[in-house]
Amino acid sequence: MGMHENSLTAHRTNQYDARSRAIMDSVRNGGPGTDRELALRLGLNHRQDTAPRITKLIELGALAEIGERRDAQTGKSVRVVGLPSPTDAVTSVIQAGCDQPDLFAGILTPDYSTSEKKR
């Protein structure tokens, strides 16, 4: 049995953009984290609320698994995700033909919005 047509339509029309963007903003602004930590930063109660999108962002190359640590709640070893290196991000955009390059903002180009240029 395949996916329900509504699920396929949502997938094709990128209905997950808002949460994916929120996850990316959280990593950019708050640094690396586990699935659960990122969910909590976004005001969500369960790691399952972010895990599928984090996995997709890793597949796209927008995020990278950068380590692991013990989950405080379960005691299990879990992934820590963060921003990929700029080289890895560029490679992912090219290979995937990513139609959402703005997910990579701040990785592919410097983000000067939080720093002042001194002359």
PDB file of N, CA and C in Angstrom:
ATOM      1  N   MET A   1       0.847  -1.186   0.000  1.00  0.00           N
ATOM      2  CA  MET A   1       0.000   0.000   0.000  1.00  0.00           C
ATOM      3  C   MET A   1       0.882   1.236   0.000  1.00  0.00           C
ATOM      4  N   GLY A   2       0.580   2.181  -0.898  1.00  0.00           N
ATOM      5  CA  GLY A   2       1.361   3.405  -1.028  1.00  0.00           C
ATOM      6  C   GLY A   2       0.893   4.495  -0.081  1.00  0.00           C
ATOM      7  N   MET A   3       1.463   5.668  -0.283  1.00  0.00           N
ATOM      8  CA  MET A   3       1.081   6.817   0.524  1.00  0.00           C
ATOM      9  C   MET A   3      -0.297   7.308   0.102  1.00  0.00           C
ATOM     10  N   HIS A   4      -1.011   7.875   1.030  1.00  0.00           N
ATOM     11  CA  HIS A   4      -2.313   8.471   0.756  1.00  0.00           C
ATOM     12  C   HIS A   4      -2.121   9.651  -0.198  1.00  0.00           C
ATOM     13  N   GLU A   5      -3.060   9.876  -1.082  1.00  0.00           N
ATOM     14  CA  GLU A   5      -2.947  10.943  -2.079  1.00  0.00           C
ATOM     15  C   GLU A   5      -2.744  12.312  -1.433  1.00  0.00           C
ATOM     16  N   ASN A   6      -3.380  12.572  -0.291  1.00  0.00           N
ATOM     17  CA  ASN A   6      -3.173  13.856   0.399  1.00  0.00           C
ATOM     18  C   ASN A   6      -1.721  14.011   0.842  1.00  0.00           C
ATOM     19  N   SER A   7      -1.120  12.920   1.305  1.00  0.00           N
ATOM     20  CA  SER A   7       0.280  12.961   1.715  1.00  0.00           C
ATOM     21  C   SER A   7       1.180  13.227   0.523  1.00  0.00           C
ATOM     22  N   LEU A   8       0.886  12.585  -0.581  1.00  0.00           N
ATOM     23  CA  LEU A   8       1.670  12.802  -1.795  1.00  0.00           C
ATOM     24  C   LEU A   8       1.558  14.251  -2.269  1.00  0.00           C
ATOM     25  N   THR A   9       0.340  14.784  -2.225  1.00  0.00           N
ATOM     26  CA  THR A   9       0.132  16.172  -2.639  1.00  0.00           C
ATOM     27  C   THR A   9       0.884  17.126  -1.721  1.00  0.00           C
ATOM     28  N   ALA A  10       0.806  16.900  -0.434  1.00  0.00           N
ATOM     29  CA  ALA A  10       1.522  17.749   0.526  1.00  0.00           C
ATOM     30  C   ALA A  10       3.019  17.685   0.281  1.00  0.00           C
ATOM     31  N   HIS A  11       3.510  16.492   0.020  1.00  0.00           N
ATOM     32  CA  HIS A  11       4.940  16.334  -0.238  1.00  0.00           C
ATOM     33  C   HIS A  11       5.338  17.094  -1.508  1.00  0.00           C
ATOM     34  N   ARG A  12       4.550  16.947  -2.560  1.00  0.00           N
ATOM     35  CA  ARG A  12       4.870  17.593  -3.833  1.00  0.00           C
ATOM     36  C   ARG A  12       4.789  19.110  -3.741  1.00  0.00           C
ATOM     37  N   THR A  13       3.921  19.629  -2.905  1.00  0.00           N
ATOM     38  CA  THR A  13       3.745  21.078  -2.818  1.00  0.00           C
ATOM     39  C   THR A  13       4.494  21.691  -1.639  1.00  0.00           C
ATOM     40  N   ASN A  14       5.377  20.913  -1.022  1.00  0.00           N
ATOM     41  CA  ASN A  14       6.232  21.411   0.062  1.00  0.00           C
ATOM     42  C   ASN A  14       5.447  22.034   1.211  1.00  0.00           C
ATOM     43  N   GLN A  15       4.443  21.331   1.697  1.00  0.00           N
ATOM     44  CA  GLN A  15       3.655  21.819   2.822  1.00  0.00           C
ATOM     45  C   GLN A  15       4.471  21.848   4.120  1.00  0.00           C
ATOM     46  N   TYR A  16       5.646  21.263   4.099  1.00  0.00           N
ATOM     47  CA  TYR A  16       6.472  21.210   5.304  1.00  0.00           C
ATOM     48  C   TYR A  16       7.433  22.385   5.401  1.00  0.00           C
ATOM     49  N   ASP A  17       7.360  23.321   4.488  1.00  0.00           N
ATOM     50  CA  ASP A  17       8.313  24.411   4.461  1.00  0.00           C
ATOM     51  C   ASP A  17       8.402  25.184   5.762  1.00  0.00           C
ATOM     52  N   ALA A  18       7.298  25.531   6.357  1.00  0.00           N
ATOM     53  CA  ALA A  18       7.324  26.380   7.552  1.00  0.00           C
ATOM     54  C   ALA A  18       8.110  25.724   8.675  1.00  0.00           C
ATOM     55  N   ARG A  19       7.872  24.449   8.938  1.00  0.00           N
ATOM     56  CA  ARG A  19       8.596  23.790  10.021  1.00  0.00           C
ATOM     57  C   ARG A  19      10.057  23.571   9.646  1.00  0.00           C
ATOM     58  N   SER A  20      10.327  23.211   8.393  1.00  0.00           N
ATOM     59  CA  SER A  20      11.718  23.028   7.959  1.00  0.00           C
ATOM     60  C   SER A  20      12.488  24.334   8.119  1.00  0.00           C
ATOM     61  N   ARG A  21      11.858  25.429   7.736  1.00  0.00           N
ATOM     62  CA  ARG A  21      12.515  26.733   7.885  1.00  0.00           C
ATOM     63  C   ARG A  21      12.717  27.079   9.360  1.00  0.00           C
ATOM     64  N   ALA A  22      11.756  26.756  10.189  1.00  0.00           N
ATOM     65  CA  ALA A  22      11.891  27.017  11.631  1.00  0.00           C
ATOM     66  C   ALA A  22      13.042  26.209  12.217  1.00  0.00           C
ATOM     67  N   ILE A  23      13.186  24.962  11.781  1.00  0.00           N
ATOM     68  CA  ILE A  23      14.296  24.116  12.248  1.00  0.00           C
ATOM     69  C   ILE A  23      15.621  24.729  11.814  1.00  0.00           C
ATOM     70  N   MET A  24      15.709  25.131  10.541  1.00  0.00           N
ATOM     71  CA  MET A  24      16.946  25.737  10.046  1.00  0.00           C
ATOM     72  C   MET A  24      17.264  27.023  10.809  1.00  0.00           C
ATOM     73  N   ASP A  25      16.269  27.855  11.051  1.00  0.00           N
ATOM     74  CA  ASP A  25      16.486  29.091  11.815  1.00  0.00           C
ATOM     75  C   ASP A  25      16.966  28.777  13.220  1.00  0.00           C
ATOM     76  N   SER A  26      16.412  27.740  13.830  1.00  0.00           N
ATOM     77  CA  SER A  26      16.810  27.354  15.180  1.00  0.00           C
ATOM     78  C   SER A  26      18.271  26.928  15.228  1.00  0.00           C
ATOM     79  N   VAL A  27      18.699  26.174  14.237  1.00  0.00           N
ATOM     80  CA  VAL A  27      20.103  25.740  14.202  1.00  0.00           C
ATOM     81  C   VAL A  27      21.016  26.916  13.913  1.00  0.00           C
ATOM     82  N   ARG A  28      20.600  27.789  12.982  1.00  0.00           N
ATOM     83  CA  ARG A  28      21.419  28.967  12.666  1.00  0.00           C
ATOM     84  C   ARG A  28      21.582  29.878  13.883  1.00  0.00           C
ATOM     85  N   ASN A  29      20.484  30.103  14.600  1.00  0.00           N
ATOM     86  CA  ASN A  29      20.497  31.062  15.703  1.00  0.00           C
ATOM     87  C   ASN A  29      20.870  30.465  17.049  1.00  0.00           C
ATOM     88  N   GLY A  30      20.534  29.186  17.258  1.00  0.00           N
ATOM     89  CA  GLY A  30      20.774  28.567  18.558  1.00  0.00           C
ATOM     90  C   GLY A  30      21.869  27.527  18.581  1.00  0.00           C
ATOM     91  N   GLY A  31      22.421  27.223  17.412  1.00  0.00           N
ATOM     92  CA  GLY A  31      23.496  26.246  17.333  1.00  0.00           C
ATOM     93  C   GLY A  31      22.971  24.827  17.197  1.00  0.00           C
ATOM     94  N   PRO A  32      23.899  23.871  17.158  1.00  0.00           N
ATOM     95  CA  PRO A  32      23.539  22.464  16.968  1.00  0.00           C
ATOM     96  C   PRO A  32      22.648  21.940  18.090  1.00  0.00           C
ATOM     97  N   GLY A  33      21.949  20.849  17.800  1.00  0.00           N
ATOM     98  CA  GLY A  33      21.103  20.229  18.811  1.00  0.00           C
ATOM     99  C   GLY A  33      20.618  18.864  18.368  1.00  0.00           C
ATOM    100  N   THR A  34      20.029  18.154  19.296  1.00  0.00           N
ATOM    101  CA  THR A  34      19.418  16.866  18.995  1.00  0.00           C
ATOM    102  C   THR A  34      18.011  17.116  18.466  1.00  0.00           C
ATOM    103  N   ASP A  35      17.367  16.082  17.947  1.00  0.00           N
ATOM    104  CA  ASP A  35      15.995  16.224  17.466  1.00  0.00           C
ATOM    105  C   ASP A  35      15.091  16.757  18.579  1.00  0.00           C
ATOM    106  N   ARG A  36      15.250  16.213  19.787  1.00  0.00           N
ATOM    107  CA  ARG A  36      14.416  16.632  20.914  1.00  0.00           C
ATOM    108  C   ARG A  36      14.709  18.091  21.302  1.00  0.00           C
ATOM    109  N   GLU A  37      15.983  18.450  21.350  1.00  0.00           N
ATOM    110  CA  GLU A  37      16.339  19.824  21.711  1.00  0.00           C
ATOM    111  C   GLU A  37      15.771  20.829  20.712  1.00  0.00           C
ATOM    112  N   LEU A  38      15.846  20.483  19.428  1.00  0.00           N
ATOM    113  CA  LEU A  38      15.304  21.382  18.412  1.00  0.00           C
ATOM    114  C   LEU A  38      13.790  21.483  18.531  1.00  0.00           C
ATOM    115  N   ALA A  39      13.132  20.372  18.825  1.00  0.00           N
ATOM    116  CA  ALA A  39      11.678  20.399  19.019  1.00  0.00           C
ATOM    117  C   ALA A  39      11.325  21.321  20.187  1.00  0.00           C
ATOM    118  N   LEU A  40      12.046  21.195  21.292  1.00  0.00           N
ATOM    119  CA  LEU A  40      11.768  22.028  22.468  1.00  0.00           C
ATOM    120  C   LEU A  40      12.013  23.508  22.174  1.00  0.00           C
ATOM    121  N   ARG A  41      13.072  23.810  21.415  1.00  0.00           N
ATOM    122  CA  ARG A  41      13.330  25.206  21.039  1.00  0.00           C
ATOM    123  C   ARG A  41      12.167  25.800  20.257  1.00  0.00           C
ATOM    124  N   LEU A  42      11.499  24.943  19.487  1.00  0.00           N
ATOM    125  CA  LEU A  42      10.382  25.413  18.657  1.00  0.00           C
ATOM    126  C   LEU A  42       9.056  25.371  19.397  1.00  0.00           C
ATOM    127  N   GLY A  43       9.087  24.993  20.675  1.00  0.00           N
ATOM    128  CA  GLY A  43       7.865  24.936  21.456  1.00  0.00           C
ATOM    129  C   GLY A  43       7.030  23.693  21.208  1.00  0.00           C
ATOM    130  N   LEU A  44       7.670  22.656  20.660  1.00  0.00           N
ATOM    131  CA  LEU A  44       6.976  21.397  20.385  1.00  0.00           C
ATOM    132  C   LEU A  44       7.289  20.409  21.499  1.00  0.00           C
ATOM    133  N   ASN A  45       6.402  19.456  21.723  1.00  0.00           N
ATOM    134  CA  ASN A  45       6.551  18.561  22.865  1.00  0.00           C
ATOM    135  C   ASN A  45       7.320  17.273  22.598  1.00  0.00           C
ATOM    136  N   HIS A  46       7.429  16.879  21.341  1.00  0.00           N
ATOM    137  CA  HIS A  46       8.007  15.569  21.043  1.00  0.00           C
ATOM    138  C   HIS A  46       9.046  15.655  19.943  1.00  0.00           C
ATOM    139  N   ARG A  47      10.086  14.841  20.046  1.00  0.00           N
ATOM    140  CA  ARG A  47      11.112  14.804  19.009  1.00  0.00           C
ATOM    141  C   ARG A  47      10.530  14.356  17.679  1.00  0.00           C
ATOM    142  N   GLN A  48       9.441  13.581  17.722  1.00  0.00           N
ATOM    143  CA  GLN A  48       8.806  13.122  16.487  1.00  0.00           C
ATOM    144  C   GLN A  48       8.225  14.292  15.682  1.00  0.00           C
ATOM    145  N   ASP A  49       8.044  15.436  16.349  1.00  0.00           N
ATOM    146  CA  ASP A  49       7.526  16.613  15.659  1.00  0.00           C
ATOM    147  C   ASP A  49       8.576  17.240  14.738  1.00  0.00           C
ATOM    148  N   THR A  50       9.850  16.907  14.961  1.00  0.00           N
ATOM    149  CA  THR A  50      10.915  17.475  14.127  1.00  0.00           C
ATOM    150  C   THR A  50      11.738  16.416  13.398  1.00  0.00           C
ATOM    151  N   ALA A  51      11.810  15.215  13.913  1.00  0.00           N
ATOM    152  CA  ALA A  51      12.719  14.195  13.366  1.00  0.00           C
ATOM    153  C   ALA A  51      12.558  13.947  11.865  1.00  0.00           C
ATOM    154  N   PRO A  52      11.337  13.782  11.339  1.00  0.00           N
ATOM    155  CA  PRO A  52      11.231  13.522   9.891  1.00  0.00           C
ATOM    156  C   PRO A  52      11.770  14.675   9.040  1.00  0.00           C
ATOM    157  N   ARG A  53      11.519  15.893   9.478  1.00  0.00           N
ATOM    158  CA  ARG A  53      11.998  17.043   8.704  1.00  0.00           C
ATOM    159  C   ARG A  53      13.505  17.192   8.833  1.00  0.00           C
ATOM    160  N   ILE A  54      14.040  16.913  10.000  1.00  0.00           N
ATOM    161  CA  ILE A  54      15.488  16.955  10.180  1.00  0.00           C
ATOM    162  C   ILE A  54      16.148  15.928   9.264  1.00  0.00           C
ATOM    163  N   THR A  55      15.586  14.736   9.211  1.00  0.00           N
ATOM    164  CA  THR A  55      16.125  13.696   8.327  1.00  0.00           C
ATOM    165  C   THR A  55      16.096  14.175   6.881  1.00  0.00           C
ATOM    166  N   LYS A  56      15.003  14.794   6.456  1.00  0.00           N
ATOM    167  CA  LYS A  56      14.902  15.302   5.089  1.00  0.00           C
ATOM    168  C   LYS A  56      15.912  16.413   4.852  1.00  0.00           C
ATOM    169  N   LEU A  57      16.097  17.304   5.816  1.00  0.00           N
ATOM    170  CA  LEU A  57      17.074  18.380   5.675  1.00  0.00           C
ATOM    171  C   LEU A  57      18.494  17.828   5.596  1.00  0.00           C
ATOM    172  N   ILE A  58      18.758  16.731   6.296  1.00  0.00           N
ATOM    173  CA  ILE A  58      20.059  16.064   6.186  1.00  0.00           C
ATOM    174  C   ILE A  58      20.215  15.478   4.783  1.00  0.00           C
ATOM    175  N   GLU A  59      19.160  14.827   4.292  1.00  0.00           N
ATOM    176  CA  GLU A  59      19.206  14.259   2.941  1.00  0.00           C
ATOM    177  C   GLU A  59      19.441  15.332   1.887  1.00  0.00           C
ATOM    178  N   LEU A  60      18.863  16.520   2.083  1.00  0.00           N
ATOM    179  CA  LEU A  60      19.051  17.640   1.157  1.00  0.00           C
ATOM    180  C   LEU A  60      20.438  18.271   1.293  1.00  0.00           C
ATOM    181  N   GLY A  61      21.084  18.024   2.438  1.00  0.00           N
ATOM    182  CA  GLY A  61      22.386  18.627   2.691  1.00  0.00           C
ATOM    183  C   GLY A  61      22.306  19.949   3.416  1.00  0.00           C
ATOM    184  N   ALA A  62      21.108  20.357   3.828  1.00  0.00           N
ATOM    185  CA  ALA A  62      20.939  21.626   4.548  1.00  0.00           C
ATOM    186  C   ALA A  62      21.396  21.505   5.994  1.00  0.00           C
ATOM    187  N   LEU A  63      21.312  20.305   6.568  1.00  0.00           N
ATOM    188  CA  LEU A  63      21.831  20.004   7.901  1.00  0.00           C
ATOM    189  C   LEU A  63      22.782  18.816   7.781  1.00  0.00           C
ATOM    190  N   ALA A  64      23.602  18.640   8.802  1.00  0.00           N
ATOM    191  CA  ALA A  64      24.529  17.508   8.829  1.00  0.00           C
ATOM    192  C   ALA A  64      24.552  16.917  10.235  1.00  0.00           C
ATOM    193  N   GLU A  65      24.717  15.610  10.300  1.00  0.00           N
ATOM    194  CA  GLU A  65      24.949  14.975  11.598  1.00  0.00           C
ATOM    195  C   GLU A  65      26.381  15.282  11.978  1.00  0.00           C
ATOM    196  N   ILE A  66      26.554  15.971  13.104  1.00  0.00           N
ATOM    197  CA  ILE A  66      27.894  16.416  13.490  1.00  0.00           C
ATOM    198  C   ILE A  66      28.413  15.707  14.739  1.00  0.00           C
ATOM    199  N   GLY A  67      27.598  14.839  15.301  1.00  0.00           N
ATOM    200  CA  GLY A  67      28.024  14.114  16.485  1.00  0.00           C
ATOM    201  C   GLY A  67      26.866  13.372  17.105  1.00  0.00           C
ATOM    202  N   GLU A  68      27.099  12.919  18.321  1.00  0.00           N
ATOM    203  CA  GLU A  68      26.032  12.263  19.075  1.00  0.00           C
ATOM    204  C   GLU A  68      26.255  12.490  20.557  1.00  0.00           C
ATOM    205  N   ARG A  69      25.197  12.352  21.323  1.00  0.00           N
ATOM    206  CA  ARG A  69      25.282  12.452  22.785  1.00  0.00           C
ATOM    207  C   ARG A  69      24.099  11.712  23.387  1.00  0.00           C
ATOM    208  N   ARG A  70      24.144  11.516  24.669  1.00  0.00           N
ATOM    209  CA  ARG A  70      23.064  10.811  25.370  1.00  0.00           C
ATOM    210  C   ARG A  70      21.876  11.741  25.561  1.00  0.00           C
ATOM    211  N   ASP A  71      20.715  11.207  25.224  1.00  0.00           N
ATOM    212  CA  ASP A  71      19.474  11.945  25.432  1.00  0.00           C
ATOM    213  C   ASP A  71      19.161  11.944  26.918  1.00  0.00           C
ATOM    214  N   ALA A  72      18.907  13.124  27.474  1.00  0.00           N
ATOM    215  CA  ALA A  72      18.641  13.248  28.914  1.00  0.00           C
ATOM    216  C   ALA A  72      17.388  12.498  29.335  1.00  0.00           C
ATOM    217  N   GLN A  73      16.415  12.379  28.459  1.00  0.00           N
ATOM    218  CA  GLN A  73      15.149  11.737  28.802  1.00  0.00           C
ATOM    219  C   GLN A  73      15.216  10.213  28.678  1.00  0.00           C
ATOM    220  N   THR A  74      15.840   9.723  27.596  1.00  0.00           N
ATOM    221  CA  THR A  74      15.846   8.277  27.349  1.00  0.00           C
ATOM    222  C   THR A  74      17.151   7.589  27.719  1.00  0.00           C
ATOM    223  N   GLY A  75      18.234   8.353  27.811  1.00  0.00           N
ATOM    224  CA  GLY A  75      19.542   7.762  28.080  1.00  0.00           C
ATOM    225  C   GLY A  75      20.169   7.124  26.855  1.00  0.00           C
ATOM    226  N   LYS A  76      19.490   7.185  25.719  1.00  0.00           N
ATOM    227  CA  LYS A  76      20.013   6.590  24.487  1.00  0.00           C
ATOM    228  C   LYS A  76      20.926   7.578  23.770  1.00  0.00           C
ATOM    229  N   SER A  77      21.826   7.019  22.974  1.00  0.00           N
ATOM    230  CA  SER A  77      22.698   7.841  22.148  1.00  0.00           C
ATOM    231  C   SER A  77      21.892   8.363  20.961  1.00  0.00           C
ATOM    232  N   VAL A  78      21.905   9.678  20.758  1.00  0.00           N
ATOM    233  CA  VAL A  78      21.124  10.299  19.684  1.00  0.00           C
ATOM    234  C   VAL A  78      22.022  11.220  18.867  1.00  0.00           C
ATOM    235  N   ARG A  79      21.563  11.518  17.653  1.00  0.00           N
ATOM    236  CA  ARG A  79      22.339  12.376  16.767  1.00  0.00           C
ATOM    237  C   ARG A  79      22.262  13.837  17.202  1.00  0.00           C
ATOM    238  N   VAL A  80      23.331  14.541  16.915  1.00  0.00           N
ATOM    239  CA  VAL A  80      23.370  15.994  17.061  1.00  0.00           C
ATOM    240  C   VAL A  80      23.522  16.539  15.647  1.00  0.00           C
ATOM    241  N   VAL A  81      22.669  17.473  15.294  1.00  0.00           N
ATOM    242  CA  VAL A  81      22.713  18.047  13.953  1.00  0.00           C
ATOM    243  C   VAL A  81      23.117  19.507  14.008  1.00  0.00           C
ATOM    244  N   GLY A  82      23.791  19.921  12.962  1.00  0.00           N
ATOM    245  CA  GLY A  82      24.222  21.300  12.836  1.00  0.00           C
ATOM    246  C   GLY A  82      24.313  21.664  11.370  1.00  0.00           C
ATOM    247  N   LEU A  83      24.846  22.828  11.109  1.00  0.00           N
ATOM    248  CA  LEU A  83      25.004  23.270   9.731  1.00  0.00           C
ATOM    249  C   LEU A  83      26.164  22.528   9.087  1.00  0.00           C
ATOM    250  N   PRO A  84      26.027  22.163   7.817  1.00  0.00           N
ATOM    251  CA  PRO A  84      27.130  21.519   7.116  1.00  0.00           C
ATOM    252  C   PRO A  84      28.186  22.550   6.755  1.00  0.00           C
ATOM    253  N   SER A  85      29.340  22.068   6.343  1.00  0.00           N
ATOM    254  CA  SER A  85      30.355  22.992   5.847  1.00  0.00           C
ATOM    255  C   SER A  85      29.830  23.623   4.563  1.00  0.00           C
ATOM    256  N   PRO A  86      30.282  24.827   4.229  1.00  0.00           N
ATOM    257  CA  PRO A  86      29.821  25.453   2.983  1.00  0.00           C
ATOM    258  C   PRO A  86      30.079  24.591   1.752  1.00  0.00           C
ATOM    259  N   THR A  87      31.208  23.900   1.715  1.00  0.00           N
ATOM    260  CA  THR A  87      31.521  23.031   0.576  1.00  0.00           C
ATOM    261  C   THR A  87      30.504  21.916   0.455  1.00  0.00           C
ATOM    262  N   ASP A  88      30.155  21.281   1.568  1.00  0.00           N
ATOM    263  CA  ASP A  88      29.157  20.208   1.543  1.00  0.00           C
ATOM    264  C   ASP A  88      27.793  20.738   1.129  1.00  0.00           C
ATOM    265  N   ALA A  89      27.450  21.928   1.571  1.00  0.00           N
ATOM    266  CA  ALA A  89      26.157  22.510   1.228  1.00  0.00           C
ATOM    267  C   ALA A  89      26.061  22.784  -0.271  1.00  0.00           C
ATOM    268  N   VAL A  90      27.111  23.348  -0.843  1.00  0.00           N
ATOM    269  CA  VAL A  90      27.113  23.628  -2.278  1.00  0.00           C
ATOM    270  C   VAL A  90      26.987  22.330  -3.065  1.00  0.00           C
ATOM    271  N   THR A  91      27.748  21.318  -2.676  1.00  0.00           N
ATOM    272  CA  THR A  91      27.683  20.020  -3.346  1.00  0.00           C
ATOM    273  C   THR A  91      26.276  19.453  -3.286  1.00  0.00           C
ATOM    274  N   SER A  92      25.619  19.553  -2.135  1.00  0.00           N
ATOM    275  CA  SER A  92      24.265  19.021  -1.980  1.00  0.00           C
ATOM    276  C   SER A  92      23.266  19.745  -2.866  1.00  0.00           C
ATOM    277  N   VAL A  93      23.385  21.063  -2.954  1.00  0.00           N
ATOM    278  CA  VAL A  93      22.468  21.842  -3.795  1.00  0.00           C
ATOM    279  C   VAL A  93      22.624  21.413  -5.248  1.00  0.00           C
ATOM    280  N   ILE A  94      23.858  21.264  -5.686  1.00  0.00           N
ATOM    281  CA  ILE A  94      24.112  20.889  -7.073  1.00  0.00           C
ATOM    282  C   ILE A  94      23.614  19.477  -7.351  1.00  0.00           C
ATOM    283  N   GLN A  95      23.951  18.520  -6.475  1.00  0.00           N
ATOM    284  CA  GLN A  95      23.570  17.126  -6.700  1.00  0.00           C
ATOM    285  C   GLN A  95      22.062  16.919  -6.633  1.00  0.00           C
ATOM    286  N   ALA A  96      21.410  17.576  -5.698  1.00  0.00           N
ATOM    287  CA  ALA A  96      19.979  17.365  -5.508  1.00  0.00           C
ATOM    288  C   ALA A  96      19.141  18.239  -6.431  1.00  0.00           C
ATOM    289  N   GLY A  97      19.772  19.225  -7.060  1.00  0.00           N
ATOM    290  CA  GLY A  97      18.988  20.156  -7.853  1.00  0.00           C
ATOM    291  C   GLY A  97      17.961  20.834  -6.966  1.00  0.00           C
ATOM    292  N   CYS A  98      18.385  21.211  -5.770  1.00  0.00           N
ATOM    293  CA  CYS A  98      17.481  21.734  -4.746  1.00  0.00           C
ATOM    294  C   CYS A  98      16.674  22.917  -5.262  1.00  0.00           C
ATOM    295  N   ASP A  99      15.357  22.823  -5.111  1.00  0.00           N
ATOM    296  CA  ASP A  99      14.485  23.912  -5.544  1.00  0.00           C
ATOM    297  C   ASP A  99      14.229  24.906  -4.422  1.00  0.00           C
ATOM    298  N   GLN A 100      14.923  24.742  -3.290  1.00  0.00           N
ATOM    299  CA  GLN A 100      14.747  25.649  -2.165  1.00  0.00           C
ATOM    300  C   GLN A 100      16.108  26.097  -1.640  1.00  0.00           C
ATOM    301  N   PRO A 101      16.918  26.749  -2.478  1.00  0.00           N
ATOM    302  CA  PRO A 101      18.261  27.119  -2.032  1.00  0.00           C
ATOM    303  C   PRO A 101      18.268  28.076  -0.856  1.00  0.00           C
ATOM    304  N   ASP A 102      17.155  28.767  -0.591  1.00  0.00           N
ATOM    305  CA  ASP A 102      17.118  29.680   0.550  1.00  0.00           C
ATOM    306  C   ASP A 102      17.220  28.932   1.878  1.00  0.00           C
ATOM    307  N   LEU A 103      16.970  27.605   1.886  1.00  0.00           N
ATOM    308  CA  LEU A 103      17.187  26.833   3.109  1.00  0.00           C
ATOM    309  C   LEU A 103      18.654  26.886   3.519  1.00  0.00           C
ATOM    310  N   PHE A 104      19.523  27.161   2.537  1.00  0.00           N
ATOM    311  CA  PHE A 104      20.956  27.165   2.776  1.00  0.00           C
ATOM    312  C   PHE A 104      21.488  28.549   3.124  1.00  0.00           C
ATOM    313  N   ALA A 105      20.609  29.526   3.277  1.00  0.00           N
ATOM    314  CA  ALA A 105      21.034  30.888   3.594  1.00  0.00           C
ATOM    315  C   ALA A 105      21.885  30.878   4.865  1.00  0.00           C
ATOM    316  N   GLY A 106      22.952  31.618   4.839  1.00  0.00           N
ATOM    317  CA  GLY A 106      23.855  31.658   5.980  1.00  0.00           C
ATOM    318  C   GLY A 106      24.907  30.563   5.928  1.00  0.00           C
ATOM    319  N   ILE A 107      24.738  29.599   5.029  1.00  0.00           N
ATOM    320  CA  ILE A 107      25.755  28.573   4.835  1.00  0.00           C
ATOM    321  C   ILE A 107      26.501  28.887   3.548  1.00  0.00           C
ATOM    322  N   LEU A 108      25.725  29.130   2.484  1.00  0.00           N
ATOM    323  CA  LEU A 108      26.319  29.371   1.180  1.00  0.00           C
ATOM    324  C   LEU A 108      26.880  30.772   1.046  1.00  0.00           C
ATOM    325  N   THR A 109      26.259  31.724   1.731  1.00  0.00           N
ATOM    326  CA  THR A 109      26.736  33.100   1.675  1.00  0.00           C
ATOM    327  C   THR A 109      26.876  33.605   3.100  1.00  0.00           C
ATOM    328  N   PRO A 110      27.841  34.467   3.334  1.00  0.00           N
ATOM    329  CA  PRO A 110      28.002  34.993   4.701  1.00  0.00           C
ATOM    330  C   PRO A 110      26.771  35.753   5.144  1.00  0.00           C
ATOM    331  N   ASP A 111      26.463  35.658   6.415  1.00  0.00           N
ATOM    332  CA  ASP A 111      25.340  36.395   6.985  1.00  0.00           C
ATOM    333  C   ASP A 111      25.917  37.558   7.785  1.00  0.00           C
ATOM    334  N   TYR A 112      25.829  38.744   7.211  1.00  0.00           N
ATOM    335  CA  TYR A 112      26.398  39.918   7.863  1.00  0.00           C
ATOM    336  C   TYR A 112      25.384  40.646   8.720  1.00  0.00           C
ATOM    337  N   SER A 113      24.184  40.101   8.816  1.00  0.00           N
ATOM    338  CA  SER A 113      23.126  40.807   9.532  1.00  0.00           C
ATOM    339  C   SER A 113      23.382  40.906  11.030  1.00  0.00           C
ATOM    340  N   THR A 114      24.201  40.021  11.582  1.00  0.00           N
ATOM    341  CA  THR A 114      24.420  40.055  13.026  1.00  0.00           C
ATOM    342  C   THR A 114      25.801  40.615  13.396  1.00  0.00           C
ATOM    343  N   SER A 115      26.563  41.004  12.410  1.00  0.00           N
ATOM    344  CA  SER A 115      27.874  41.566  12.714  1.00  0.00           C
ATOM    345  C   SER A 115      28.047  42.897  11.995  1.00  0.00           C
ATOM    346  N   GLU A 116      28.842  43.733  12.586  1.00  0.00           N
ATOM    347  CA  GLU A 116      29.092  45.034  11.972  1.00  0.00           C
ATOM    348  C   GLU A 116      30.454  45.005  11.303  1.00  0.00           C
ATOM    349  N   LYS A 117      30.521  45.587  10.122  1.00  0.00           N
ATOM    350  CA  LYS A 117      31.797  45.719   9.453  1.00  0.00           C
ATOM    351  C   LYS A 117      32.525  46.928  10.045  1.00  0.00           C
ATOM    352  N   LYS A 118      33.764  46.714  10.408  1.00  0.00           N
ATOM    353  CA  LYS A 118      34.573  47.816  10.957  1.00  0.00           C
ATOM    354  C   LYS A 118      35.638  48.172   9.940  1.00  0.00           C
ATOM    355  N   ARG A 119      35.790  49.414   9.716  1.00  0.00           N
ATOM    356  CA  ARG A 119      36.804  49.875   8.746  1.00  0.00           C
ATOM    357  C   ARG A 119      37.836  50.697   9.454  1.00  0.00           C
TER     358      ARG A 119
END
